[in-house]
Amino acid sequence: RRERLYHSHVKEWRAARDAGALEKLVDRRTGPARP
């Protein structure tokens, strides 16, 4: 509630962290557009 997040955010981010893919933690939908 404090961070205005959903459990699905944490779940997705935890799975990416556990997979060891830090670059997967960057949300491509909100990331910078490809040059």
PDB file of all heavy atoms in Angstrom:
ATOM      1  N   ARG A   1       0.827  -1.208   0.000  1.00  0.00           N
ATOM      2  CA  ARG A   1       0.000   0.000   0.000  1.00  0.00           C
ATOM      3  C   ARG A   1       0.861   1.257   0.000  1.00  0.00           C
ATOM      4  O   ARG A   1       0.574   2.215  -0.712  1.00  0.00           O
ATOM      5  CB  ARG A   1      -0.947  -0.004   1.197  1.00  0.00           C
ATOM      6  CG  ARG A   1      -2.116  -0.949   1.032  1.00  0.00           C
ATOM      7  CD  ARG A   1      -3.139  -0.770   2.146  1.00  0.00           C
ATOM      8  NE  ARG A   1      -2.612  -1.053   3.471  1.00  0.00           N
ATOM      9  CZ  ARG A   1      -2.523  -2.284   4.000  1.00  0.00           C
ATOM     10  NH1 ARG A   1      -2.923  -3.332   3.306  1.00  0.00           N
ATOM     11  NH2 ARG A   1      -2.043  -2.453   5.212  1.00  0.00           N
ATOM     12  N   ARG A   2       1.910   1.269   0.809  1.00  0.00           N
ATOM     13  CA  ARG A   2       2.790   2.436   0.898  1.00  0.00           C
ATOM     14  C   ARG A   2       3.426   2.745  -0.454  1.00  0.00           C
ATOM     15  O   ARG A   2       3.522   3.894  -0.859  1.00  0.00           O
ATOM     16  CB  ARG A   2       3.886   2.181   1.943  1.00  0.00           C
ATOM     17  CG  ARG A   2       4.803   3.391   2.138  1.00  0.00           C
ATOM     18  CD  ARG A   2       6.015   3.069   2.984  1.00  0.00           C
ATOM     19  NE  ARG A   2       6.936   2.275   2.188  1.00  0.00           N
ATOM     20  CZ  ARG A   2       7.594   1.210   2.618  1.00  0.00           C
ATOM     21  NH1 ARG A   2       7.437   0.782   3.852  1.00  0.00           N
ATOM     22  NH2 ARG A   2       8.411   0.550   1.842  1.00  0.00           N
ATOM     23  N   GLU A   3       3.822   1.703  -1.178  1.00  0.00           N
ATOM     24  CA  GLU A   3       4.495   1.883  -2.462  1.00  0.00           C
ATOM     25  C   GLU A   3       3.520   1.909  -3.639  1.00  0.00           C
ATOM     26  O   GLU A   3       3.924   2.079  -4.776  1.00  0.00           O
ATOM     27  CB  GLU A   3       5.526   0.765  -2.675  1.00  0.00           C
ATOM     28  CG  GLU A   3       6.630   0.743  -1.653  1.00  0.00           C
ATOM     29  CD  GLU A   3       7.520   1.975  -1.706  1.00  0.00           C
ATOM     30  OE1 GLU A   3       7.728   2.523  -2.812  1.00  0.00           O
ATOM     31  OE2 GLU A   3       8.012   2.375  -0.637  1.00  0.00           O
ATOM     32  N   ARG A   4       2.223   1.710  -3.337  1.00  0.00           N
ATOM     33  CA  ARG A   4       1.174   1.656  -4.365  1.00  0.00           C
ATOM     34  C   ARG A   4       1.499   0.592  -5.410  1.00  0.00           C
ATOM     35  O   ARG A   4       1.514   0.833  -6.608  1.00  0.00           O
ATOM     36  CB  ARG A   4       0.973   3.021  -5.027  1.00  0.00           C
ATOM     37  CG  ARG A   4       0.457   4.055  -4.054  1.00  0.00           C
ATOM     38  CD  ARG A   4       0.231   5.404  -4.670  1.00  0.00           C
ATOM     39  NE  ARG A   4       1.430   5.887  -5.333  1.00  0.00           N
ATOM     40  CZ  ARG A   4       1.424   6.571  -6.478  1.00  0.00           C
ATOM     41  NH1 ARG A   4       0.305   6.861  -7.065  1.00  0.00           N
ATOM     42  NH2 ARG A   4       2.544   6.986  -7.014  1.00  0.00           N
ATOM     43  N   LEU A   5       1.760  -0.616  -4.921  1.00  0.00           N
ATOM     44  CA  LEU A   5       2.105  -1.748  -5.778  1.00  0.00           C
ATOM     45  C   LEU A   5       1.103  -2.875  -5.564  1.00  0.00           C
ATOM     46  O   LEU A   5       0.318  -2.848  -4.612  1.00  0.00           O
ATOM     47  CB  LEU A   5       3.509  -2.268  -5.441  1.00  0.00           C
ATOM     48  CG  LEU A   5       4.666  -1.302  -5.689  1.00  0.00           C
ATOM     49  CD1 LEU A   5       5.948  -1.885  -5.121  1.00  0.00           C
ATOM     50  CD2 LEU A   5       4.811  -1.007  -7.160  1.00  0.00           C
ATOM     51  N   TYR A   6       1.168  -3.842  -6.440  1.00  0.00           N
ATOM     52  CA  TYR A   6       0.350  -5.044  -6.318  1.00  0.00           C
ATOM     53  C   TYR A   6       1.260  -6.230  -6.012  1.00  0.00           C
ATOM     54  O   TYR A   6       2.467  -6.201  -6.296  1.00  0.00           O
ATOM     55  CB  TYR A   6      -0.414  -5.319  -7.616  1.00  0.00           C
ATOM     56  CG  TYR A   6      -1.433  -4.263  -7.930  1.00  0.00           C
ATOM     57  CD1 TYR A   6      -1.153  -3.268  -8.852  1.00  0.00           C
ATOM     58  CD2 TYR A   6      -2.675  -4.263  -7.307  1.00  0.00           C
ATOM     59  CE1 TYR A   6      -2.093  -2.286  -9.147  1.00  0.00           C
ATOM     60  CE2 TYR A   6      -3.620  -3.291  -7.590  1.00  0.00           C
ATOM     61  CZ  TYR A   6      -3.320  -2.299  -8.513  1.00  0.00           C
ATOM     62  OH  TYR A   6      -4.243  -1.350  -8.789  1.00  0.00           O
ATOM     63  N   HIS A   7       0.664  -7.268  -5.470  1.00  0.00           N
ATOM     64  CA  HIS A   7       1.430  -8.470  -5.170  1.00  0.00           C
ATOM     65  C   HIS A   7       2.052  -9.038  -6.443  1.00  0.00           C
ATOM     66  O   HIS A   7       3.150  -9.604  -6.429  1.00  0.00           O
ATOM     67  CB  HIS A   7       0.533  -9.517  -4.491  1.00  0.00           C
ATOM     68  CG  HIS A   7       1.255 -10.774  -4.181  1.00  0.00           C
ATOM     69  ND1 HIS A   7       1.161 -11.886  -4.970  1.00  0.00           N
ATOM     70  CD2 HIS A   7       2.117 -11.092  -3.176  1.00  0.00           C
ATOM     71  CE1 HIS A   7       1.930 -12.840  -4.470  1.00  0.00           C
ATOM     72  NE2 HIS A   7       2.504 -12.391  -3.377  1.00  0.00           N
ATOM     73  N   SER A   8       1.367  -8.870  -7.573  1.00  0.00           N
ATOM     74  CA  SER A   8       1.892  -9.384  -8.843  1.00  0.00           C
ATOM     75  C   SER A   8       3.211  -8.721  -9.216  1.00  0.00           C
ATOM     76  O   SER A   8       4.075  -9.356  -9.826  1.00  0.00           O
ATOM     77  CB  SER A   8       0.871  -9.187  -9.961  1.00  0.00           C
ATOM     78  OG  SER A   8       0.559  -7.817 -10.112  1.00  0.00           O
ATOM     79  N   HIS A   9       3.387  -7.445  -8.826  1.00  0.00           N
ATOM     80  CA  HIS A   9       4.673  -6.783  -9.079  1.00  0.00           C
ATOM     81  C   HIS A   9       5.786  -7.539  -8.353  1.00  0.00           C
ATOM     82  O   HIS A   9       6.805  -7.906  -8.953  1.00  0.00           O
ATOM     83  CB  HIS A   9       4.663  -5.333  -8.560  1.00  0.00           C
ATOM     84  CG  HIS A   9       3.885  -4.375  -9.393  1.00  0.00           C
ATOM     85  ND1 HIS A   9       2.753  -3.768  -8.932  1.00  0.00           N
ATOM     86  CD2 HIS A   9       4.088  -3.899 -10.645  1.00  0.00           C
ATOM     87  CE1 HIS A   9       2.281  -2.958  -9.857  1.00  0.00           C
ATOM     88  NE2 HIS A   9       3.069  -3.021 -10.922  1.00  0.00           N
ATOM     89  N   VAL A  10       5.577  -7.739  -7.067  1.00  0.00           N
ATOM     90  CA  VAL A  10       6.602  -8.397  -6.247  1.00  0.00           C
ATOM     91  C   VAL A  10       6.863  -9.805  -6.751  1.00  0.00           C
ATOM     92  O   VAL A  10       8.011 -10.246  -6.845  1.00  0.00           O
ATOM     93  CB  VAL A  10       6.180  -8.400  -4.760  1.00  0.00           C
ATOM     94  CG1 VAL A  10       7.180  -9.176  -3.915  1.00  0.00           C
ATOM     95  CG2 VAL A  10       6.041  -6.976  -4.251  1.00  0.00           C
ATOM     96  N   LYS A  11       5.807 -10.503  -7.107  1.00  0.00           N
ATOM     97  CA  LYS A  11       5.939 -11.874  -7.596  1.00  0.00           C
ATOM     98  C   LYS A  11       6.784 -11.921  -8.872  1.00  0.00           C
ATOM     99  O   LYS A  11       7.704 -12.736  -9.004  1.00  0.00           O
ATOM    100  CB  LYS A  11       4.531 -12.423  -7.856  1.00  0.00           C
ATOM    101  CG  LYS A  11       4.427 -13.878  -8.066  1.00  0.00           C
ATOM    102  CD  LYS A  11       2.947 -14.244  -8.096  1.00  0.00           C
ATOM    103  CE  LYS A  11       2.732 -15.557  -8.769  1.00  0.00           C
ATOM    104  NZ  LYS A  11       1.315 -15.885  -8.896  1.00  0.00           N
ATOM    105  N   GLU A  12       6.496 -11.016  -9.809  1.00  0.00           N
ATOM    106  CA  GLU A  12       7.237 -10.964 -11.075  1.00  0.00           C
ATOM    107  C   GLU A  12       8.697 -10.573 -10.844  1.00  0.00           C
ATOM    108  O   GLU A  12       9.609 -11.173 -11.397  1.00  0.00           O
ATOM    109  CB  GLU A  12       6.558  -9.944 -11.993  1.00  0.00           C
ATOM    110  CG  GLU A  12       7.243  -9.746 -13.325  1.00  0.00           C
ATOM    111  CD  GLU A  12       6.559  -8.655 -14.138  1.00  0.00           C
ATOM    112  OE1 GLU A  12       5.340  -8.473 -13.995  1.00  0.00           O
ATOM    113  OE2 GLU A  12       7.271  -7.985 -14.905  1.00  0.00           O
ATOM    114  N   TRP A  13       8.907  -9.580  -9.982  1.00  0.00           N
ATOM    115  CA  TRP A  13      10.267  -9.122  -9.719  1.00  0.00           C
ATOM    116  C   TRP A  13      11.078 -10.178  -8.971  1.00  0.00           C
ATOM    117  O   TRP A  13      12.269 -10.348  -9.217  1.00  0.00           O
ATOM    118  CB  TRP A  13      10.234  -7.823  -8.914  1.00  0.00           C
ATOM    119  CG  TRP A  13       9.561  -6.683  -9.630  1.00  0.00           C
ATOM    120  CD1 TRP A  13       9.253  -6.611 -10.962  1.00  0.00           C
ATOM    121  CD2 TRP A  13       9.078  -5.481  -9.046  1.00  0.00           C
ATOM    122  NE1 TRP A  13       8.618  -5.424 -11.240  1.00  0.00           N
ATOM    123  CE2 TRP A  13       8.501  -4.706 -10.082  1.00  0.00           C
ATOM    124  CE3 TRP A  13       9.072  -4.965  -7.754  1.00  0.00           C
ATOM    125  CZ2 TRP A  13       7.950  -3.452  -9.867  1.00  0.00           C
ATOM    126  CZ3 TRP A  13       8.521  -3.713  -7.535  1.00  0.00           C
ATOM    127  CH2 TRP A  13       7.966  -2.963  -8.584  1.00  0.00           C
ATOM    128  N   ARG A  14      10.438 -10.906  -8.078  1.00  0.00           N
ATOM    129  CA  ARG A  14      11.139 -11.966  -7.338  1.00  0.00           C
ATOM    130  C   ARG A  14      11.564 -13.081  -8.294  1.00  0.00           C
ATOM    131  O   ARG A  14      12.680 -13.594  -8.217  1.00  0.00           O
ATOM    132  CB  ARG A  14      10.254 -12.535  -6.234  1.00  0.00           C
ATOM    133  CG  ARG A  14      10.997 -13.562  -5.372  1.00  0.00           C
ATOM    134  CD  ARG A  14      10.104 -14.258  -4.360  1.00  0.00           C
ATOM    135  NE  ARG A  14       9.499 -13.339  -3.416  1.00  0.00           N
ATOM    136  CZ  ARG A  14       8.179 -13.189  -3.246  1.00  0.00           C
ATOM    137  NH1 ARG A  14       7.336 -13.916  -3.945  1.00  0.00           N
ATOM    138  NH2 ARG A  14       7.706 -12.340  -2.366  1.00  0.00           N
ATOM    139  N   ALA A  15      10.680 -13.455  -9.209  1.00  0.00           N
ATOM    140  CA  ALA A  15      11.012 -14.511 -10.177  1.00  0.00           C
ATOM    141  C   ALA A  15      12.197 -14.086 -11.045  1.00  0.00           C
ATOM    142  O   ALA A  15      13.095 -14.890 -11.311  1.00  0.00           O
ATOM    143  CB  ALA A  15       9.799 -14.813 -11.049  1.00  0.00           C
ATOM    144  N   ALA A  16      12.216 -12.827 -11.448  1.00  0.00           N
ATOM    145  CA  ALA A  16      13.332 -12.332 -12.260  1.00  0.00           C
ATOM    146  C   ALA A  16      14.623 -12.322 -11.443  1.00  0.00           C
ATOM    147  O   ALA A  16      15.685 -12.697 -11.942  1.00  0.00           O
ATOM    148  CB  ALA A  16      13.022 -10.941 -12.795  1.00  0.00           C
ATOM    149  N   ARG A  17      14.514 -11.905 -10.186  1.00  0.00           N
ATOM    150  CA  ARG A  17      15.700 -11.891  -9.326  1.00  0.00           C
ATOM    151  C   ARG A  17      16.226 -13.298  -9.125  1.00  0.00           C
ATOM    152  O   ARG A  17      17.417 -13.556  -9.217  1.00  0.00           O
ATOM    153  CB  ARG A  17      15.352 -11.269  -7.964  1.00  0.00           C
ATOM    154  CG  ARG A  17      16.543 -11.230  -7.010  1.00  0.00           C
ATOM    155  CD  ARG A  17      16.135 -11.130  -5.576  1.00  0.00           C
ATOM    156  NE  ARG A  17      15.364 -12.330  -5.191  1.00  0.00           N
ATOM    157  CZ  ARG A  17      14.657 -12.423  -4.085  1.00  0.00           C
ATOM    158  NH1 ARG A  17      14.565 -11.401  -3.251  1.00  0.00           N
ATOM    159  NH2 ARG A  17      14.007 -13.540  -3.802  1.00  0.00           N
ATOM    160  N   ASP A  18      15.332 -14.254  -8.876  1.00  0.00           N
ATOM    161  CA  ASP A  18      15.743 -15.631  -8.635  1.00  0.00           C
ATOM    162  C   ASP A  18      16.342 -16.263  -9.883  1.00  0.00           C
ATOM    163  O   ASP A  18      17.179 -17.153  -9.787  1.00  0.00           O
ATOM    164  CB  ASP A  18      14.558 -16.457  -8.139  1.00  0.00           C
ATOM    165  CG  ASP A  18      14.098 -16.022  -6.745  1.00  0.00           C
ATOM    166  OD1 ASP A  18      14.833 -15.264  -6.080  1.00  0.00           O
ATOM    167  OD2 ASP A  18      12.991 -16.429  -6.347  1.00  0.00           O
ATOM    168  N   ALA A  19      15.907 -15.807 -11.050  1.00  0.00           N
ATOM    169  CA  ALA A  19      16.472 -16.323 -12.297  1.00  0.00           C
ATOM    170  C   ALA A  19      17.844 -15.713 -12.566  1.00  0.00           C
ATOM    171  O   ALA A  19      18.534 -16.138 -13.482  1.00  0.00           O
ATOM    172  CB  ALA A  19      15.527 -16.033 -13.461  1.00  0.00           C
ATOM    173  N   GLY A  20      18.209 -14.701 -11.756  1.00  0.00           N
ATOM    174  CA  GLY A  20      19.509 -14.066 -11.921  1.00  0.00           C
ATOM    175  C   GLY A  20      19.558 -13.145 -13.125  1.00  0.00           C
ATOM    176  O   GLY A  20      20.620 -12.860 -13.660  1.00  0.00           O
ATOM    177  N   ALA A  21      18.428 -12.690 -13.537  1.00  0.00           N
ATOM    178  CA  ALA A  21      18.372 -11.843 -14.729  1.00  0.00           C
ATOM    179  C   ALA A  21      18.020 -10.425 -14.322  1.00  0.00           C
ATOM    180  O   ALA A  21      16.869 -10.014 -14.383  1.00  0.00           O
ATOM    181  CB  ALA A  21      17.350 -12.392 -15.708  1.00  0.00           C
ATOM    182  N   LEU A  22      19.012  -9.671 -13.917  1.00  0.00           N
ATOM    183  CA  LEU A  22      18.779  -8.293 -13.491  1.00  0.00           C
ATOM    184  C   LEU A  22      18.210  -7.475 -14.635  1.00  0.00           C
ATOM    185  O   LEU A  22      17.347  -6.628 -14.437  1.00  0.00           O
ATOM    186  CB  LEU A  22      20.079  -7.666 -12.976  1.00  0.00           C
ATOM    187  CG  LEU A  22      19.958  -6.277 -12.373  1.00  0.00           C
ATOM    188  CD1 LEU A  22      19.067  -6.321 -11.138  1.00  0.00           C
ATOM    189  CD2 LEU A  22      21.318  -5.720 -12.029  1.00  0.00           C
ATOM    190  N   GLU A  23      18.662  -7.753 -15.867  1.00  0.00           N
ATOM    191  CA  GLU A  23      18.153  -6.983 -17.003  1.00  0.00           C
ATOM    192  C   GLU A  23      16.671  -7.272 -17.251  1.00  0.00           C
ATOM    193  O   GLU A  23      15.969  -6.463 -17.822  1.00  0.00           O
ATOM    194  CB  GLU A  23      18.959  -7.234 -18.278  1.00  0.00           C
ATOM    195  CG  GLU A  23      18.922  -8.648 -18.805  1.00  0.00           C
ATOM    196  CD  GLU A  23      19.938  -9.584 -18.170  1.00  0.00           C
ATOM    197  OE1 GLU A  23      20.712  -9.143 -17.311  1.00  0.00           O
ATOM    198  OE2 GLU A  23      19.927 -10.768 -18.531  1.00  0.00           O
ATOM    199  N   LYS A  24      16.191  -8.427 -16.785  1.00  0.00           N
ATOM    200  CA  LYS A  24      14.767  -8.736 -16.948  1.00  0.00           C
ATOM    201  C   LYS A  24      13.919  -7.940 -15.977  1.00  0.00           C
ATOM    202  O   LYS A  24      12.709  -7.888 -16.120  1.00  0.00           O
ATOM    203  CB  LYS A  24      14.508 -10.229 -16.753  1.00  0.00           C
ATOM    204  CG  LYS A  24      14.968 -11.064 -17.914  1.00  0.00           C
ATOM    205  CD  LYS A  24      14.536 -12.490 -17.754  1.00  0.00           C
ATOM    206  CE  LYS A  24      14.978 -13.320 -18.937  1.00  0.00           C
ATOM    207  NZ  LYS A  24      14.634 -14.718 -18.794  1.00  0.00           N
ATOM    208  N   LEU A  25      14.553  -7.337 -14.993  1.00  0.00           N
ATOM    209  CA  LEU A  25      13.802  -6.526 -14.049  1.00  0.00           C
ATOM    210  C   LEU A  25      13.405  -5.182 -14.654  1.00  0.00           C
ATOM    211  O   LEU A  25      12.572  -4.490 -14.113  1.00  0.00           O
ATOM    212  CB  LEU A  25      14.621  -6.286 -12.781  1.00  0.00           C
ATOM    213  CG  LEU A  25      14.797  -7.503 -11.881  1.00  0.00           C
ATOM    214  CD1 LEU A  25      15.696  -7.164 -10.719  1.00  0.00           C
ATOM    215  CD2 LEU A  25      13.458  -7.992 -11.381  1.00  0.00           C
ATOM    216  N   VAL A  26      13.981  -4.806 -15.753  1.00  0.00           N
ATOM    217  CA  VAL A  26      13.611  -3.563 -16.407  1.00  0.00           C
ATOM    218  C   VAL A  26      12.344  -3.806 -17.203  1.00  0.00           C
ATOM    219  O   VAL A  26      12.290  -4.699 -18.040  1.00  0.00           O
ATOM    220  CB  VAL A  26      14.753  -3.078 -17.338  1.00  0.00           C
ATOM    221  CG1 VAL A  26      14.335  -1.824 -18.063  1.00  0.00           C
ATOM    222  CG2 VAL A  26      16.013  -2.844 -16.543  1.00  0.00           C
ATOM    223  N   ASP A  27      11.329  -3.040 -16.917  1.00  0.00           N
ATOM    224  CA  ASP A  27      10.045  -3.191 -17.598  1.00  0.00           C
ATOM    225  C   ASP A  27      10.176  -2.632 -19.004  1.00  0.00           C
ATOM    226  O   ASP A  27      10.340  -1.433 -19.184  1.00  0.00           O
ATOM    227  CB  ASP A  27       8.957  -2.460 -16.821  1.00  0.00           C
ATOM    228  CG  ASP A  27       7.574  -2.768 -17.338  1.00  0.00           C
ATOM    229  OD1 ASP A  27       7.463  -3.405 -18.400  1.00  0.00           O
ATOM    230  OD2 ASP A  27       6.611  -2.369 -16.675  1.00  0.00           O
ATOM    231  N   ARG A  28      10.108  -3.489 -20.011  1.00  0.00           N
ATOM    232  CA  ARG A  28      10.304  -3.048 -21.383  1.00  0.00           C
ATOM    233  C   ARG A  28       9.178  -2.152 -21.872  1.00  0.00           C
ATOM    234  O   ARG A  28       9.344  -1.384 -22.798  1.00  0.00           O
ATOM    235  CB  ARG A  28      10.458  -4.258 -22.299  1.00  0.00           C
ATOM    236  CG  ARG A  28      11.828  -4.878 -22.145  1.00  0.00           C
ATOM    237  CD  ARG A  28      11.976  -6.079 -23.059  1.00  0.00           C
ATOM    238  NE  ARG A  28      13.310  -6.605 -23.119  1.00  0.00           N
ATOM    239  CZ  ARG A  28      14.003  -7.086 -22.106  1.00  0.00           C
ATOM    240  NH1 ARG A  28      13.496  -7.086 -20.901  1.00  0.00           N
ATOM    241  NH2 ARG A  28      15.218  -7.571 -22.275  1.00  0.00           N
ATOM    242  N   ARG A  29       8.020  -2.262 -21.246  1.00  0.00           N
ATOM    243  CA  ARG A  29       6.908  -1.406 -21.665  1.00  0.00           C
ATOM    244  C   ARG A  29       7.184   0.040 -21.318  1.00  0.00           C
ATOM    245  O   ARG A  29       6.728   0.948 -21.996  1.00  0.00           O
ATOM    246  CB  ARG A  29       5.617  -1.850 -21.003  1.00  0.00           C
ATOM    247  CG  ARG A  29       5.174  -3.233 -21.436  1.00  0.00           C
ATOM    248  CD  ARG A  29       4.015  -3.674 -20.602  1.00  0.00           C
ATOM    249  NE  ARG A  29       4.457  -3.734 -19.212  1.00  0.00           N
ATOM    250  CZ  ARG A  29       3.721  -4.097 -18.201  1.00  0.00           C
ATOM    251  NH1 ARG A  29       2.485  -4.429 -18.387  1.00  0.00           N
ATOM    252  NH2 ARG A  29       4.195  -4.131 -16.975  1.00  0.00           N
ATOM    253  N   THR A  30       7.897   0.290 -20.228  1.00  0.00           N
ATOM    254  CA  THR A  30       8.155   1.655 -19.801  1.00  0.00           C
ATOM    255  C   THR A  30       9.599   2.054 -20.020  1.00  0.00           C
ATOM    256  O   THR A  30       9.977   3.168 -19.737  1.00  0.00           O
ATOM    257  CB  THR A  30       7.822   1.828 -18.311  1.00  0.00           C
ATOM    258  OG1 THR A  30       8.623   0.909 -17.562  1.00  0.00           O
ATOM    259  CG2 THR A  30       6.362   1.587 -18.043  1.00  0.00           C
ATOM    260  N   GLY A  31      10.405   1.137 -20.533  1.00  0.00           N
ATOM    261  CA  GLY A  31      11.802   1.445 -20.785  1.00  0.00           C
ATOM    262  C   GLY A  31      11.943   2.358 -21.991  1.00  0.00           C
ATOM    263  O   GLY A  31      10.991   2.635 -22.708  1.00  0.00           O
ATOM    264  N   PRO A  32      13.147   2.846 -22.207  1.00  0.00           N
ATOM    265  CA  PRO A  32      13.333   3.739 -23.351  1.00  0.00           C
ATOM    266  C   PRO A  32      13.104   2.998 -24.659  1.00  0.00           C
ATOM    267  O   PRO A  32      13.340   1.801 -24.772  1.00  0.00           O
ATOM    268  CB  PRO A  32      14.797   4.179 -23.224  1.00  0.00           C
ATOM    269  CG  PRO A  32      15.443   3.113 -22.403  1.00  0.00           C
ATOM    270  CD  PRO A  32      14.368   2.575 -21.492  1.00  0.00           C
ATOM    271  N   ALA A  33      12.634   3.722 -25.637  1.00  0.00           N
ATOM    272  CA  ALA A  33      12.370   3.132 -26.946  1.00  0.00           C
ATOM    273  C   ALA A  33      13.686   2.766 -27.610  1.00  0.00           C
ATOM    274  O   ALA A  33      14.728   3.361 -27.333  1.00  0.00           O
ATOM    275  CB  ALA A  33      11.609   4.132 -27.815  1.00  0.00           C
ATOM    276  N   ARG A  34      13.608   1.756 -28.468  1.00  0.00           N
ATOM    277  CA  ARG A  34      14.816   1.375 -29.192  1.00  0.00           C
ATOM    278  C   ARG A  34      15.245   2.543 -30.073  1.00  0.00           C
ATOM    279  O   ARG A  34      14.395   3.211 -30.671  1.00  0.00           O
ATOM    280  CB  ARG A  34      14.551   0.165 -30.077  1.00  0.00           C
ATOM    281  CG  ARG A  34      14.526  -1.116 -29.294  1.00  0.00           C
ATOM    282  CD  ARG A  34      14.415  -2.280 -30.230  1.00  0.00           C
ATOM    283  NE  ARG A  34      12.984  -2.456 -30.499  1.00  0.00           N
ATOM    284  CZ  ARG A  34      12.493  -3.093 -31.533  1.00  0.00           C
ATOM    285  NH1 ARG A  34      13.274  -3.619 -32.415  1.00  0.00           N
ATOM    286  NH2 ARG A  34      11.209  -3.213 -31.701  1.00  0.00           N
ATOM    287  N   PRO A  35      16.549   2.772 -30.173  1.00  0.00           N
ATOM    288  CA  PRO A  35      16.987   3.873 -31.033  1.00  0.00           C
ATOM    289  C   PRO A  35      16.656   3.559 -32.489  1.00  0.00           C
ATOM    290  O   PRO A  35      16.760   2.419 -32.930  1.00  0.00           O
ATOM    291  CB  PRO A  35      18.497   3.932 -30.808  1.00  0.00           C
ATOM    292  CG  PRO A  35      18.865   2.596 -30.258  1.00  0.00           C
ATOM    293  CD  PRO A  35      17.649   2.078 -29.541  1.00  0.00           C
TER     294      PRO A  35
END
